[in-house]
Amino acid sequence: MVNILGILVIALQILSMQIYIDPFGVAVVTMDVAITQGVNEIQLPVQPLVESIEVTVGNESLASVYSDGMLYVFSSVEGVAHISYLANIT
């Protein structure tokens, strides 16, 4: 846990991760991460195309911010977050 500007940030464990190339040659990353209520810090394995990042818990989309290899996810519930994005391979 880290305290950044008075906000408690929790680094969590990745439950599963998959990186694959789709039929169009695009690198896609998917991850499942157990998150808690509040701000969660997740290190991404591959640099994303930031505009493509999607984070959901159940059917609810969650707000997230990407900075320097870390994804900060803001959640009002505990659960398993599904993260998907396109990898920046340029």
C-alpha atoms as a PDB file:
ATOM      1  CA  MET A   1       0.000   0.000   0.000  1.00  0.00           C
ATOM      2  CA  VAL A   2       1.150   3.495  -0.840  1.00  0.00           C
ATOM      3  CA  ASN A   3      -0.234   6.850   0.265  1.00  0.00           C
ATOM      4  CA  ILE A   4      -0.267   9.327  -2.640  1.00  0.00           C
ATOM      5  CA  LEU A   5      -1.606  12.807  -1.845  1.00  0.00           C
ATOM      6  CA  GLY A   6      -3.723  11.410   0.959  1.00  0.00           C
ATOM      7  CA  ILE A   7      -5.212   8.648  -1.210  1.00  0.00           C
ATOM      8  CA  LEU A   8      -4.518   5.064  -0.207  1.00  0.00           C
ATOM      9  CA  VAL A   9      -3.363   3.090  -3.242  1.00  0.00           C
ATOM     10  CA  ILE A  10      -3.372  -0.706  -3.078  1.00  0.00           C
ATOM     11  CA  ALA A  11      -1.194  -2.836  -5.363  1.00  0.00           C
ATOM     12  CA  LEU A  12      -3.050  -6.025  -6.244  1.00  0.00           C
ATOM     13  CA  GLN A  13      -2.292  -9.431  -7.657  1.00  0.00           C
ATOM     14  CA  ILE A  14      -3.084 -10.429 -11.234  1.00  0.00           C
ATOM     15  CA  LEU A  15      -5.302 -13.550 -11.336  1.00  0.00           C
ATOM     16  CA  SER A  16      -4.924 -14.227 -15.060  1.00  0.00           C
ATOM     17  CA  MET A  17      -3.368 -12.577 -18.088  1.00  0.00           C
ATOM     18  CA  GLN A  18      -3.430 -13.261 -21.813  1.00  0.00           C
ATOM     19  CA  ILE A  19      -1.580 -11.532 -24.636  1.00  0.00           C
ATOM     20  CA  TYR A  20      -2.511 -12.583 -28.152  1.00  0.00           C
ATOM     21  CA  ILE A  21      -2.491 -11.435 -31.765  1.00  0.00           C
ATOM     22  CA  ASP A  22      -5.982 -11.175 -33.283  1.00  0.00           C
ATOM     23  CA  PRO A  23      -6.756 -12.140 -36.927  1.00  0.00           C
ATOM     24  CA  PHE A  24      -5.985  -8.554 -38.030  1.00  0.00           C
ATOM     25  CA  GLY A  25      -2.481  -8.603 -36.516  1.00  0.00           C
ATOM     26  CA  VAL A  26      -3.400  -6.460 -33.488  1.00  0.00           C
ATOM     27  CA  ALA A  27      -1.843  -7.322 -30.112  1.00  0.00           C
ATOM     28  CA  VAL A  28      -4.574  -7.599 -27.459  1.00  0.00           C
ATOM     29  CA  VAL A  29      -4.002  -7.830 -23.700  1.00  0.00           C
ATOM     30  CA  THR A  30      -6.634  -9.146 -21.267  1.00  0.00           C
ATOM     31  CA  MET A  31      -6.242  -9.454 -17.500  1.00  0.00           C
ATOM     32  CA  ASP A  32      -8.366 -10.403 -14.507  1.00  0.00           C
ATOM     33  CA  VAL A  33      -7.372  -8.726 -11.245  1.00  0.00           C
ATOM     34  CA  ALA A  34      -8.924  -8.928  -7.771  1.00  0.00           C
ATOM     35  CA  ILE A  35      -9.639  -5.359  -6.667  1.00  0.00           C
ATOM     36  CA  THR A  36     -10.876  -3.707  -3.511  1.00  0.00           C
ATOM     37  CA  GLN A  37     -12.987  -0.656  -2.845  1.00  0.00           C
ATOM     38  CA  GLY A  38     -11.009   2.547  -3.463  1.00  0.00           C
ATOM     39  CA  VAL A  39      -7.994   3.190  -5.662  1.00  0.00           C
ATOM     40  CA  ASN A  40      -6.218   0.109  -7.009  1.00  0.00           C
ATOM     41  CA  GLU A  41      -2.746   0.175  -8.619  1.00  0.00           C
ATOM     42  CA  ILE A  42      -2.036  -2.376 -11.353  1.00  0.00           C
ATOM     43  CA  GLN A  43       1.236  -2.692 -13.261  1.00  0.00           C
ATOM     44  CA  LEU A  44       0.500  -3.395 -16.921  1.00  0.00           C
ATOM     45  CA  PRO A  45       2.723  -5.971 -18.664  1.00  0.00           C
ATOM     46  CA  VAL A  46       2.704  -4.155 -22.029  1.00  0.00           C
ATOM     47  CA  GLN A  47       2.368  -0.449 -22.813  1.00  0.00           C
ATOM     48  CA  PRO A  48      -1.247   0.203 -23.906  1.00  0.00           C
ATOM     49  CA  LEU A  49      -2.865   2.388 -26.489  1.00  0.00           C
ATOM     50  CA  VAL A  50      -4.408   4.440 -23.682  1.00  0.00           C
ATOM     51  CA  GLU A  51      -7.644   5.151 -25.563  1.00  0.00           C
ATOM     52  CA  SER A  52      -8.343   1.412 -25.814  1.00  0.00           C
ATOM     53  CA  ILE A  53      -8.231   0.594 -22.067  1.00  0.00           C
ATOM     54  CA  GLU A  54     -11.476  -0.887 -20.748  1.00  0.00           C
ATOM     55  CA  VAL A  55     -11.994  -1.910 -17.112  1.00  0.00           C
ATOM     56  CA  THR A  56     -15.157  -3.629 -15.871  1.00  0.00           C
ATOM     57  CA  VAL A  57     -16.397  -5.391 -12.752  1.00  0.00           C
ATOM     58  CA  GLY A  58     -19.453  -7.421 -13.656  1.00  0.00           C
ATOM     59  CA  ASN A  59     -21.383  -5.172 -16.037  1.00  0.00           C
ATOM     60  CA  GLU A  60     -20.080  -1.942 -14.499  1.00  0.00           C
ATOM     61  CA  SER A  61     -17.390   0.105 -16.254  1.00  0.00           C
ATOM     62  CA  LEU A  62     -14.781   1.565 -13.907  1.00  0.00           C
ATOM     63  CA  ALA A  63     -12.828   4.799 -14.173  1.00  0.00           C
ATOM     64  CA  SER A  64      -9.093   4.373 -14.684  1.00  0.00           C
ATOM     65  CA  VAL A  65      -5.977   6.462 -15.237  1.00  0.00           C
ATOM     66  CA  TYR A  66      -2.781   5.220 -16.919  1.00  0.00           C
ATOM     67  CA  SER A  67       0.578   6.722 -15.953  1.00  0.00           C
ATOM     68  CA  ASP A  68       4.148   5.436 -16.354  1.00  0.00           C
ATOM     69  CA  GLY A  69       3.287   1.750 -16.745  1.00  0.00           C
ATOM     70  CA  MET A  70       0.713   1.762 -13.950  1.00  0.00           C
ATOM     71  CA  LEU A  71      -3.066   1.634 -14.257  1.00  0.00           C
ATOM     72  CA  TYR A  72      -4.996   3.248 -11.407  1.00  0.00           C
ATOM     73  CA  VAL A  73      -8.536   1.868 -11.139  1.00  0.00           C
ATOM     74  CA  PHE A  74     -11.182   3.546  -9.006  1.00  0.00           C
ATOM     75  CA  SER A  75     -13.815   1.151  -7.666  1.00  0.00           C
ATOM     76  CA  SER A  76     -16.767   1.463  -5.299  1.00  0.00           C
ATOM     77  CA  VAL A  77     -16.963  -2.348  -4.914  1.00  0.00           C
ATOM     78  CA  GLU A  78     -14.697  -5.339  -4.341  1.00  0.00           C
ATOM     79  CA  GLY A  79     -14.507  -7.959  -7.055  1.00  0.00           C
ATOM     80  CA  VAL A  80     -12.627  -9.218 -10.065  1.00  0.00           C
ATOM     81  CA  ALA A  81     -11.857  -6.521 -12.607  1.00  0.00           C
ATOM     82  CA  HIS A  82     -11.554  -7.503 -16.252  1.00  0.00           C
ATOM     83  CA  ILE A  83      -9.026  -5.273 -18.031  1.00  0.00           C
ATOM     84  CA  SER A  84      -8.579  -5.275 -21.774  1.00  0.00           C
ATOM     85  CA  TYR A  85      -6.591  -3.058 -24.122  1.00  0.00           C
ATOM     86  CA  LEU A  86      -4.653  -2.935 -27.364  1.00  0.00           C
ATOM     87  CA  ALA A  87      -0.892  -3.105 -26.939  1.00  0.00           C
ATOM     88  CA  ASN A  88       1.218  -0.261 -28.280  1.00  0.00           C
ATOM     89  CA  ILE A  89       3.804  -2.109 -30.353  1.00  0.00           C
ATOM     90  CA  THR A  90       5.197   0.876 -32.258  1.00  0.00           C
END
